[in-house]
N, C-alpha and C. Protein backbone atom coordinates (compact mmCIF):
# COMPACT_ATOMS: atom_id res chain seq x y z
N ASP A 1 -14.59 -8.41 11.22
CA ASP A 1 -14.98 -9.29 12.39
C ASP A 1 -16.38 -8.99 13.07
N ALA A 2 -16.83 -8.40 11.96
CA ALA A 2 -18.64 -8.10 12.23
C ALA A 2 -18.71 -7.30 13.54
N VAL A 3 -17.88 -6.35 13.59
CA VAL A 3 -17.87 -5.49 15.03
C VAL A 3 -18.33 -3.91 14.01
N ASP A 4 -19.46 -3.45 14.64
CA ASP A 4 -20.02 -2.53 13.92
C ASP A 4 -19.35 -1.30 14.31
N ILE A 5 -18.92 -0.19 14.08
CA ILE A 5 -17.91 0.52 13.71
C ILE A 5 -18.66 2.02 13.94
N ARG A 6 -19.62 1.90 13.20
CA ARG A 6 -20.30 3.39 13.43
C ARG A 6 -20.59 3.99 14.53
N PRO A 7 -20.31 3.17 15.51
CA PRO A 7 -20.55 4.15 17.13
C PRO A 7 -18.81 4.94 17.68
N ALA A 8 -17.96 4.24 16.80
CA ALA A 8 -16.80 4.26 16.99
C ALA A 8 -16.16 6.03 16.68
N ASP A 9 -15.39 6.39 17.67
CA ASP A 9 -14.75 7.64 17.65
C ASP A 9 -13.82 7.90 16.35
N VAL A 10 -14.07 8.81 15.67
CA VAL A 10 -13.69 8.48 14.06
C VAL A 10 -12.34 9.04 14.38
N ARG A 11 -11.84 9.61 15.30
CA ARG A 11 -10.36 10.31 15.74
C ARG A 11 -9.94 9.01 15.93
N TRP A 12 -10.14 8.04 16.84
CA TRP A 12 -9.51 6.89 17.15
C TRP A 12 -9.26 5.89 16.09
N LEU A 13 -10.14 5.53 15.23
CA LEU A 13 -10.55 5.01 14.18
C LEU A 13 -9.46 5.52 13.29
N ARG A 14 -9.40 6.57 13.14
CA ARG A 14 -8.28 7.40 12.08
C ARG A 14 -6.91 6.43 12.55
N GLN A 15 -6.82 6.60 13.80
CA GLN A 15 -5.47 6.64 14.58
C GLN A 15 -4.89 4.78 14.36
N GLN A 16 -5.89 4.40 14.02
CA GLN A 16 -5.73 2.67 13.75
C GLN A 16 -5.44 2.72 12.51
N MET A 17 -5.53 3.41 11.50
CA MET A 17 -4.83 2.83 10.01
C MET A 17 -3.87 3.82 9.98
N GLY A 18 -3.04 2.89 8.58
CA GLY A 18 -2.45 3.50 7.81
C GLY A 18 -2.36 3.38 6.53
N LEU A 19 -2.07 4.20 5.46
CA LEU A 19 -2.66 4.14 4.17
C LEU A 19 -1.68 5.01 3.33
N VAL A 20 -1.82 3.87 2.24
CA VAL A 20 -0.89 4.53 0.85
C VAL A 20 -1.75 4.25 0.06
N GLN A 21 -1.37 5.79 -0.79
CA GLN A 21 -2.67 5.80 -1.78
C GLN A 21 -1.91 5.77 -3.01
N GLN A 22 -2.95 5.93 -4.52
CA GLN A 22 -1.83 5.71 -5.68
C GLN A 22 -1.06 6.67 -6.06
N GLU A 23 -1.28 8.02 -5.54
CA GLU A 23 -0.61 9.13 -5.83
C GLU A 23 0.02 9.45 -4.27
N PRO A 24 1.35 9.15 -3.57
CA PRO A 24 1.66 9.39 -2.51
C PRO A 24 2.28 10.78 -1.88
N VAL A 25 1.52 11.06 -0.69
CA VAL A 25 1.86 12.52 -0.71
C VAL A 25 3.35 12.70 0.13
N LEU A 26 3.87 14.00 -0.58
CA LEU A 26 5.13 14.27 0.58
C LEU A 26 5.24 15.44 0.89
N PHE A 27 5.77 15.68 1.46
CA PHE A 27 5.75 17.17 1.76
C PHE A 27 7.55 17.92 1.65
N ALA A 28 7.80 19.22 1.44
CA ALA A 28 8.78 19.27 1.42
C ALA A 28 9.10 19.37 2.72
N GLY A 29 10.61 18.73 2.78
CA GLY A 29 10.93 18.47 4.07
C GLY A 29 12.07 17.21 3.82
N THR A 30 12.67 16.53 4.40
CA THR A 30 13.82 15.58 4.22
C THR A 30 12.68 14.40 4.57
N ILE A 31 13.81 13.15 4.11
CA ILE A 31 12.89 11.46 3.61
C ILE A 31 12.92 11.33 4.91
N GLY A 32 13.86 11.64 5.57
CA GLY A 32 13.24 10.98 7.15
C GLY A 32 12.10 11.81 8.46
N TRP A 33 12.06 12.92 7.53
CA TRP A 33 11.06 13.56 8.49
C TRP A 33 9.95 13.06 7.87
N ASN A 34 9.47 13.21 6.18
CA ASN A 34 8.23 12.68 5.88
C ASN A 34 8.14 11.32 6.40
N ILE A 35 9.27 10.16 6.35
CA ILE A 35 9.02 8.68 6.73
C ILE A 35 8.32 8.99 8.24
N SER A 36 9.38 10.00 9.22
CA SER A 36 8.32 10.26 10.83
C SER A 36 7.00 11.02 10.68
N LEU A 37 6.25 11.14 9.75
CA LEU A 37 5.16 11.72 9.72
C LEU A 37 4.24 10.76 9.61
N GLY A 38 4.48 9.36 9.63
CA GLY A 38 3.96 8.21 10.06
C GLY A 38 3.44 7.99 11.79
N ARG A 39 4.45 8.82 12.52
CA ARG A 39 4.63 8.59 13.80
C ARG A 39 5.64 9.37 14.49
N PRO A 40 4.97 10.92 14.84
CA PRO A 40 6.27 11.56 15.19
C PRO A 40 6.58 11.29 16.52
N GLY A 41 7.84 11.56 16.56
CA GLY A 41 8.65 10.97 17.80
C GLY A 41 9.39 9.80 17.07
N ALA A 42 9.21 8.92 16.14
CA ALA A 42 9.73 8.09 15.58
C ALA A 42 11.23 8.29 15.83
N SER A 43 11.76 6.94 16.45
CA SER A 43 13.64 6.97 16.68
C SER A 43 14.35 7.13 14.97
N ASP A 44 15.49 7.63 14.96
CA ASP A 44 16.14 7.40 13.17
C ASP A 44 16.34 5.94 13.08
N GLU A 45 16.55 5.29 14.20
CA GLU A 45 16.84 3.99 13.78
C GLU A 45 15.38 3.12 13.48
N GLU A 46 14.31 3.46 13.97
CA GLU A 46 12.65 2.90 13.31
C GLU A 46 12.53 3.44 12.17
N ILE A 47 12.58 4.73 11.71
CA ILE A 47 12.57 5.39 10.63
C ILE A 47 13.81 4.50 9.66
N GLN A 48 15.02 4.20 10.09
CA GLN A 48 15.48 3.43 9.27
C GLN A 48 15.07 2.29 9.14
N ALA A 49 14.41 1.55 9.65
CA ALA A 49 13.79 -0.01 9.68
C ALA A 49 12.79 -0.24 8.92
N ALA A 50 12.03 1.47 8.91
CA ALA A 50 11.01 1.05 8.28
C ALA A 50 11.28 1.50 6.29
N ALA A 51 12.11 2.02 6.16
CA ALA A 51 13.01 2.34 4.74
C ALA A 51 13.46 0.79 4.57
N GLN A 52 14.10 0.44 5.34
CA GLN A 52 14.57 -1.33 4.84
C GLN A 52 13.15 -2.48 4.29
N GLN A 53 12.14 -2.08 5.33
CA GLN A 53 11.02 -3.01 5.31
C GLN A 53 10.43 -2.41 3.57
N ALA A 54 11.13 -1.19 3.57
CA ALA A 54 9.84 -0.68 2.33
C ALA A 54 10.58 -0.64 0.98
N ASN A 55 11.82 -1.16 0.99
CA ASN A 55 12.96 -1.29 0.13
C ASN A 55 13.41 -0.16 -0.23
N ALA A 56 13.01 0.88 0.44
CA ALA A 56 13.50 2.42 0.34
C ALA A 56 14.95 2.66 0.88
N HIS A 57 15.84 1.61 1.87
CA HIS A 57 16.57 1.97 2.75
C HIS A 57 18.07 2.50 1.72
N THR A 58 17.90 1.42 0.53
CA THR A 58 19.36 1.27 -0.48
C THR A 58 19.66 2.63 -1.17
N PHE A 59 18.05 2.84 -2.02
CA PHE A 59 18.28 4.11 -2.60
C PHE A 59 18.29 5.68 -1.76
N VAL A 60 17.96 5.41 -0.77
CA VAL A 60 18.34 6.46 0.10
C VAL A 60 19.47 6.65 0.71
N SER A 61 20.04 6.18 0.97
CA SER A 61 21.64 5.71 1.28
C SER A 61 22.32 5.97 0.38
N GLU A 62 21.95 5.77 -0.98
CA GLU A 62 22.99 6.57 -1.89
C GLU A 62 22.92 7.61 -2.73
N LEU A 63 21.70 8.47 -1.45
CA LEU A 63 21.54 10.00 -1.87
C LEU A 63 22.51 10.90 -1.14
N PRO A 64 23.49 11.48 -1.73
CA PRO A 64 24.45 12.71 -0.99
C PRO A 64 24.17 12.67 0.42
N GLU A 65 22.73 13.38 1.01
CA GLU A 65 22.20 13.45 2.02
C GLU A 65 22.02 12.37 2.95
N ALA A 66 21.98 11.27 2.25
CA ALA A 66 20.45 9.94 2.85
C ALA A 66 19.78 10.63 3.37
N PHE A 67 19.28 9.99 4.72
CA PHE A 67 17.69 10.91 4.88
C PHE A 67 17.43 12.32 5.25
N ALA A 68 18.67 12.93 5.09
CA ALA A 68 18.97 14.16 5.26
C ALA A 68 18.32 15.10 4.37
N THR A 69 17.82 14.21 2.77
CA THR A 69 17.95 15.05 1.69
C THR A 69 16.22 14.96 1.44
N GLN A 70 16.30 16.74 1.06
CA GLN A 70 15.55 17.41 0.60
C GLN A 70 14.68 16.85 -0.11
N VAL A 71 12.99 16.40 -0.23
CA VAL A 71 12.71 15.83 -1.57
C VAL A 71 12.02 16.92 -2.02
N GLY A 72 11.60 18.04 -1.98
CA GLY A 72 10.96 19.22 -2.35
C GLY A 72 9.51 19.36 -2.47
N GLU A 73 9.19 20.11 -2.91
CA GLU A 73 7.74 20.16 -2.78
C GLU A 73 7.00 18.96 -3.59
N LYS A 74 6.06 18.31 -2.74
CA LYS A 74 5.32 16.97 -3.30
C LYS A 74 6.53 16.21 -3.74
N GLY A 75 7.42 16.11 -3.42
CA GLY A 75 8.46 15.00 -3.55
C GLY A 75 9.01 14.93 -4.79
N ILE A 76 9.04 16.43 -5.69
CA ILE A 76 9.65 16.81 -7.03
C ILE A 76 11.04 15.71 -7.33
N GLN A 77 11.89 16.09 -6.14
CA GLN A 77 13.12 15.59 -6.29
C GLN A 77 13.06 13.79 -6.83
N LEU A 78 12.24 13.26 -6.48
CA LEU A 78 12.30 11.48 -6.49
C LEU A 78 11.44 11.16 -7.37
N SER A 79 11.62 9.87 -8.22
CA SER A 79 10.85 9.35 -8.86
C SER A 79 9.36 8.44 -8.37
N GLY A 80 8.34 8.45 -9.32
CA GLY A 80 7.36 7.94 -8.64
C GLY A 80 7.36 6.72 -7.75
N GLY A 81 8.25 5.40 -7.92
CA GLY A 81 8.90 4.53 -7.26
C GLY A 81 9.17 4.72 -6.05
N GLN A 82 10.23 5.72 -6.06
CA GLN A 82 10.68 6.35 -5.00
C GLN A 82 10.23 7.15 -3.74
N LYS A 83 8.80 7.83 -4.19
CA LYS A 83 8.69 8.23 -3.52
C LYS A 83 6.83 7.27 -2.92
N GLN A 84 6.90 6.48 -3.62
CA GLN A 84 5.87 5.17 -3.29
C GLN A 84 6.53 4.55 -1.98
N ARG A 85 7.75 4.69 -2.06
CA ARG A 85 8.38 3.57 -1.22
C ARG A 85 8.54 4.48 0.32
N ILE A 86 8.95 5.73 -0.21
CA ILE A 86 8.37 6.33 0.91
C ILE A 86 7.29 6.57 1.94
N ALA A 87 6.61 6.19 1.44
CA ALA A 87 5.21 6.36 1.51
C ALA A 87 4.71 5.00 2.46
N ILE A 88 5.12 4.10 1.52
CA ILE A 88 5.26 2.99 2.48
C ILE A 88 5.90 2.79 3.54
N ALA A 89 7.40 3.45 3.77
CA ALA A 89 8.07 3.68 4.99
C ALA A 89 7.13 4.28 6.13
N ARG A 90 6.27 5.25 5.78
CA ARG A 90 5.86 6.16 6.76
C ARG A 90 4.89 5.08 7.46
N ALA A 91 3.99 4.51 6.43
CA ALA A 91 3.27 3.57 6.93
C ALA A 91 3.34 2.50 7.81
N ILE A 92 4.70 2.06 7.51
CA ILE A 92 5.25 0.48 8.39
C ILE A 92 5.58 1.38 10.11
N VAL A 93 6.01 2.81 9.90
CA VAL A 93 6.63 3.08 10.87
C VAL A 93 5.43 3.79 11.93
N ARG A 94 4.74 3.26 11.16
CA ARG A 94 3.35 3.72 12.25
C ARG A 94 2.92 2.82 12.98
N ASP A 95 3.11 1.56 12.02
CA ASP A 95 2.63 0.03 12.62
C ASP A 95 1.00 0.16 12.72
N PRO A 96 0.56 0.40 12.49
CA PRO A 96 -1.24 0.12 12.44
C PRO A 96 -1.63 -0.92 12.32
N PRO A 97 -2.81 -1.25 13.15
CA PRO A 97 -3.53 -2.80 13.00
C PRO A 97 -3.86 -2.59 11.59
N ILE A 98 -4.74 -1.80 11.24
CA ILE A 98 -5.09 -1.98 9.62
C ILE A 98 -4.40 -0.93 8.75
N LEU A 99 -4.01 -1.34 7.55
CA LEU A 99 -3.41 -0.88 6.31
C LEU A 99 -4.25 -0.86 5.14
N ILE A 100 -4.61 0.34 5.06
CA ILE A 100 -5.08 0.62 3.71
C ILE A 100 -4.57 0.87 2.17
N LEU A 101 -4.14 0.24 1.58
CA LEU A 101 -3.90 -0.26 0.23
C LEU A 101 -4.65 0.99 -1.27
N ASP A 102 -4.48 2.08 -1.22
CA ASP A 102 -5.44 2.04 -2.26
C ASP A 102 -4.29 2.65 -3.70
N GLU A 103 -4.83 1.51 -4.36
CA GLU A 103 -4.25 1.32 -5.67
C GLU A 103 -2.40 1.80 -5.55
N ALA A 104 -2.14 1.36 -4.68
CA ALA A 104 -0.54 1.74 -4.41
C ALA A 104 0.12 1.21 -5.48
N THR A 105 -0.13 0.73 -6.44
CA THR A 105 0.99 0.14 -7.39
C THR A 105 0.51 0.87 -8.85
N SER A 106 -0.77 1.08 -8.96
CA SER A 106 -1.21 1.31 -10.26
C SER A 106 -0.59 2.47 -10.93
N ALA A 107 0.28 3.33 -10.70
CA ALA A 107 0.41 4.74 -11.14
C ALA A 107 2.49 4.21 -11.91
N LEU A 108 2.88 3.13 -11.03
CA LEU A 108 4.07 2.68 -11.91
C LEU A 108 4.25 1.93 -12.68
N ASP A 109 5.53 2.27 -13.13
CA ASP A 109 5.91 1.29 -14.57
C ASP A 109 6.36 0.23 -13.78
N THR A 110 6.53 -0.84 -14.49
CA THR A 110 6.71 -2.48 -14.07
C THR A 110 7.94 -2.87 -13.35
N ALA A 111 9.10 -1.99 -13.14
CA ALA A 111 10.38 -2.35 -13.15
C ALA A 111 9.93 -1.65 -11.57
N SER A 112 9.63 -0.44 -11.52
CA SER A 112 9.26 0.16 -9.81
C SER A 112 8.00 -0.90 -9.51
N GLU A 113 6.64 -1.12 -10.25
CA GLU A 113 5.63 -1.70 -9.67
C GLU A 113 6.37 -3.48 -8.55
N ARG A 114 7.02 -3.80 -9.40
CA ARG A 114 8.13 -4.87 -8.71
C ARG A 114 8.34 -4.67 -7.36
N VAL A 115 9.23 -3.64 -7.44
CA VAL A 115 10.22 -3.33 -5.85
C VAL A 115 9.28 -3.08 -4.97
N VAL A 116 8.15 -2.07 -5.72
CA VAL A 116 7.18 -1.71 -4.40
C VAL A 116 6.11 -3.01 -3.71
N GLN A 117 5.95 -3.61 -4.84
CA GLN A 117 5.15 -4.93 -4.62
C GLN A 117 5.80 -6.05 -3.34
N ALA A 118 7.03 -6.35 -3.67
CA ALA A 118 8.05 -6.84 -3.15
C ALA A 118 7.82 -6.22 -1.53
N ALA A 119 8.14 -4.77 -1.65
CA ALA A 119 8.37 -4.56 -0.19
C ALA A 119 6.72 -4.56 0.38
N LEU A 120 5.51 -4.78 -0.14
CA LEU A 120 3.93 -4.66 0.21
C LEU A 120 4.24 -5.88 0.81
N ASP A 121 4.44 -6.89 0.02
CA ASP A 121 4.50 -8.77 -0.01
C ASP A 121 5.11 -8.70 1.60
N ALA A 122 6.42 -8.21 1.35
CA ALA A 122 7.03 -8.56 2.99
C ALA A 122 6.45 -7.84 3.65
N LEU A 123 6.21 -6.61 3.98
CA LEU A 123 5.58 -6.20 4.59
C LEU A 123 4.44 -7.72 5.47
N LEU A 124 3.41 -7.91 4.43
CA LEU A 124 2.50 -8.52 4.81
C LEU A 124 2.45 -9.52 5.46
N ALA A 125 3.58 -10.32 4.88
CA ALA A 125 3.90 -11.45 5.71
C ALA A 125 4.73 -11.27 6.90
N THR A 126 5.02 -10.22 7.58
CA THR A 126 6.01 -10.33 8.89
C THR A 126 4.74 -9.32 9.84
N LYS A 127 3.95 -8.64 8.81
CA LYS A 127 3.38 -7.73 10.38
C LYS A 127 2.18 -8.16 10.25
N ARG A 128 1.48 -8.57 11.58
CA ARG A 128 0.27 -8.90 12.28
C ARG A 128 -0.90 -7.70 12.01
N MET A 129 -1.19 -7.41 11.01
CA MET A 129 -2.53 -6.26 10.69
C MET A 129 -3.44 -6.64 9.29
N SER A 130 -4.54 -6.28 9.61
CA SER A 130 -5.32 -6.19 9.00
C SER A 130 -5.25 -5.25 7.51
N THR A 131 -5.28 -5.97 6.64
CA THR A 131 -4.89 -4.97 4.93
C THR A 131 -6.31 -5.11 3.99
N ILE A 132 -6.44 -3.95 3.92
CA ILE A 132 -7.34 -3.50 2.72
C ILE A 132 -7.08 -3.18 1.18
N VAL A 133 -6.65 -4.03 0.57
CA VAL A 133 -6.27 -3.59 -0.74
C VAL A 133 -7.58 -2.85 -2.10
N ILE A 134 -7.18 -1.77 -1.78
CA ILE A 134 -8.24 -1.37 -3.12
C ILE A 134 -7.37 -1.25 -4.68
N ALA A 135 -8.24 -2.42 -5.47
CA ALA A 135 -7.46 -2.39 -7.06
C ALA A 135 -7.91 -2.76 -7.82
N HIS A 136 -7.68 -2.65 -8.76
CA HIS A 136 -7.99 -2.76 -10.03
C HIS A 136 -7.05 -4.11 -10.96
N ARG A 137 -5.74 -4.04 -10.43
CA ARG A 137 -4.73 -4.89 -11.09
C ARG A 137 -5.17 -6.45 -10.65
N LEU A 138 -6.07 -7.73 -11.18
CA LEU A 138 -6.02 -8.46 -10.63
C LEU A 138 -4.69 -9.04 -10.29
N SER A 139 -3.43 -8.97 -10.42
CA SER A 139 -2.43 -9.46 -9.97
C SER A 139 -1.92 -8.94 -8.63
N THR A 140 -2.45 -7.55 -8.08
CA THR A 140 -2.25 -7.22 -6.80
C THR A 140 -3.14 -8.03 -5.75
N ILE A 141 -3.96 -8.51 -5.99
CA ILE A 141 -5.07 -9.29 -4.96
C ILE A 141 -4.90 -10.73 -5.27
N ARG A 142 -4.56 -11.37 -5.88
CA ARG A 142 -4.37 -12.39 -6.31
C ARG A 142 -5.07 -13.13 -4.71
N ASP A 143 -3.47 -12.92 -4.06
CA ASP A 143 -3.22 -13.40 -3.14
C ASP A 143 -3.69 -13.26 -1.86
N ALA A 144 -4.92 -12.07 -1.84
CA ALA A 144 -5.56 -12.10 -0.98
C ALA A 144 -6.16 -13.13 -0.14
N ASP A 145 -7.00 -13.43 1.34
CA ASP A 145 -7.42 -13.78 1.89
C ASP A 145 -9.05 -14.20 1.36
N LYS A 146 -9.24 -12.49 1.52
CA LYS A 146 -10.34 -12.97 0.80
C LYS A 146 -10.67 -11.32 0.15
N ILE A 147 -11.25 -11.58 -0.85
CA ILE A 147 -11.46 -10.50 -2.20
C ILE A 147 -13.08 -10.05 -2.25
N ALA A 148 -13.22 -9.27 -2.03
CA ALA A 148 -14.53 -8.46 -2.54
C ALA A 148 -14.59 -7.90 -3.49
N VAL A 149 -15.64 -8.38 -4.22
CA VAL A 149 -16.07 -7.59 -5.73
C VAL A 149 -17.24 -6.37 -5.39
N ILE A 150 -16.95 -5.21 -5.79
CA ILE A 150 -17.85 -4.09 -5.79
C ILE A 150 -18.22 -4.05 -6.62
N SER A 151 -19.87 -3.65 -7.13
CA SER A 151 -20.47 -3.36 -8.39
C SER A 151 -21.47 -2.19 -7.67
N GLY A 152 -21.73 -1.32 -8.47
CA GLY A 152 -22.77 0.04 -7.79
C GLY A 152 -22.74 0.15 -6.77
N GLY A 153 -21.39 0.44 -5.71
CA GLY A 153 -21.44 0.80 -4.69
C GLY A 153 -21.95 -0.57 -3.57
N ALA A 154 -22.11 -1.62 -3.66
CA ALA A 154 -22.07 -2.95 -3.17
C ALA A 154 -21.18 -3.55 -3.30
N VAL A 155 -21.07 -4.51 -2.56
CA VAL A 155 -20.45 -5.88 -2.14
C VAL A 155 -21.31 -6.89 -3.12
N VAL A 156 -20.76 -7.59 -4.43
CA VAL A 156 -21.44 -8.43 -5.33
C VAL A 156 -21.16 -9.53 -5.28
N GLU A 157 -19.85 -9.97 -4.75
CA GLU A 157 -19.44 -10.86 -4.65
C GLU A 157 -17.99 -11.44 -3.80
N GLU A 158 -17.89 -12.51 -2.47
CA GLU A 158 -16.40 -12.12 -1.67
C GLU A 158 -16.36 -13.81 -1.91
N GLY A 159 -14.62 -13.87 -1.82
CA GLY A 159 -13.92 -15.07 -1.08
C GLY A 159 -12.73 -15.30 -1.74
N PRO A 160 -12.19 -16.27 -1.48
CA PRO A 160 -10.85 -16.26 -1.74
C PRO A 160 -10.42 -16.47 -3.51
N HIS A 161 -9.60 -16.37 -4.14
CA HIS A 161 -9.40 -16.26 -5.48
C HIS A 161 -9.91 -17.58 -6.49
N ASP A 162 -9.57 -18.54 -5.58
CA ASP A 162 -9.78 -19.63 -6.11
C ASP A 162 -11.34 -20.05 -5.89
N GLU A 163 -11.91 -19.77 -5.37
CA GLU A 163 -13.12 -19.79 -4.90
C GLU A 163 -14.26 -19.27 -5.99
N LEU A 164 -13.81 -17.94 -6.34
CA LEU A 164 -14.65 -16.68 -6.69
C LEU A 164 -14.33 -17.44 -8.62
N LEU A 165 -13.22 -17.83 -8.83
CA LEU A 165 -13.13 -18.64 -10.03
C LEU A 165 -14.18 -19.43 -10.47
N THR A 166 -14.74 -20.06 -9.69
CA THR A 166 -15.12 -21.27 -9.90
C THR A 166 -16.61 -21.13 -9.88
N ARG A 167 -17.17 -19.78 -9.83
CA ARG A 167 -18.33 -19.36 -9.50
C ARG A 167 -19.14 -19.29 -11.25
N PRO A 168 -20.41 -19.94 -11.48
CA PRO A 168 -20.55 -19.74 -12.32
C PRO A 168 -21.22 -18.11 -12.63
N ASN A 169 -20.88 -17.45 -13.99
CA ASN A 169 -21.15 -16.45 -14.43
C ASN A 169 -21.00 -15.14 -13.29
N GLY A 170 -20.00 -15.50 -12.64
CA GLY A 170 -19.19 -14.60 -11.50
C GLY A 170 -18.49 -13.17 -12.47
N ILE A 171 -19.01 -12.50 -11.77
CA ILE A 171 -18.43 -11.36 -12.45
C ILE A 171 -16.35 -11.17 -12.22
N TYR A 172 -16.10 -11.64 -10.89
CA TYR A 172 -14.63 -11.87 -10.66
C TYR A 172 -14.08 -12.73 -11.82
N ALA A 173 -14.75 -13.56 -12.12
CA ALA A 173 -14.06 -15.32 -12.77
C ALA A 173 -14.23 -14.43 -14.43
N SER A 174 -14.90 -13.70 -14.32
CA SER A 174 -15.29 -12.98 -15.74
C SER A 174 -14.12 -12.07 -16.04
N LEU A 175 -13.64 -11.21 -14.92
CA LEU A 175 -12.63 -10.04 -15.39
C LEU A 175 -11.27 -10.53 -15.37
N VAL A 176 -11.11 -11.71 -14.77
CA VAL A 176 -9.54 -12.73 -14.60
C VAL A 176 -9.95 -13.80 -16.01
N ALA A 177 -10.99 -14.02 -16.60
CA ALA A 177 -11.03 -14.46 -17.81
C ALA A 177 -10.51 -13.22 -18.82
N HIS A 178 -11.03 -12.09 -18.68
CA HIS A 178 -10.71 -10.86 -19.58
C HIS A 178 -9.33 -10.66 -19.83
N ALA A 179 -8.94 -10.68 -18.35
CA ALA A 179 -7.50 -10.20 -18.37
C ALA A 179 -6.40 -11.43 -18.68
N SER A 180 -6.88 -12.48 -18.61
CA SER A 180 -6.17 -13.44 -19.00
C SER A 180 -5.46 -13.48 -20.71
N SER A 181 -6.89 -12.56 -21.13
CA SER A 181 -7.45 -12.82 -23.05
C SER A 181 -6.15 -11.80 -23.30
N GLY A 182 -5.66 -11.11 -22.87
CA GLY A 182 -4.75 -9.60 -23.51
C GLY A 182 -5.06 -8.52 -22.82
N SER A 183 -6.24 -8.78 -22.56
CA SER A 183 -6.77 -6.96 -22.19
C SER A 183 -6.98 -6.96 -20.93
N LYS A 184 -6.90 -5.63 -20.53
CA LYS A 184 -6.68 -5.43 -19.30
C LYS A 184 -7.73 -4.78 -18.73
N ALA A 185 -7.96 -5.28 -17.28
CA ALA A 185 -8.79 -5.12 -16.79
C ALA A 185 -8.96 -4.50 -15.46
């Protein structure tokens, strides 16, 4: 929105953001507690609602201790897809104005990616927040309002998917063509 954030208070700015990383960070403790780290003081109902939105509620409810289940150090007791959904629930319970998805599905197998991507799609469709998606998989960003192609640390192209495809000799169009030819982009 063309607002210079350099003079902004860094602590305040961080409080405005939620982050879901490629490798989710979970701590030794319960599933509910790990979700509540997004917003300390969140009620059990808010934690469960966030898990529902993150497509995590079903698998958590099937565990013997549900939200009281210990995840182990670094979430060792959970699969990659389950850990990612807990991380998404943590971001949801925070309810930030800005959500950063940093390669949020890239380390997952195809089945887990579908479940996690469905949770992200549902979240983005229902919440009014600015979302920054950092991705190498073109399928992850295809529906974005604006795509920025970064090369050499600078934005070299930006626009919606359809517009970027029409640019002659465009980097994005080249990446899409390369991915469509069966190679991984």
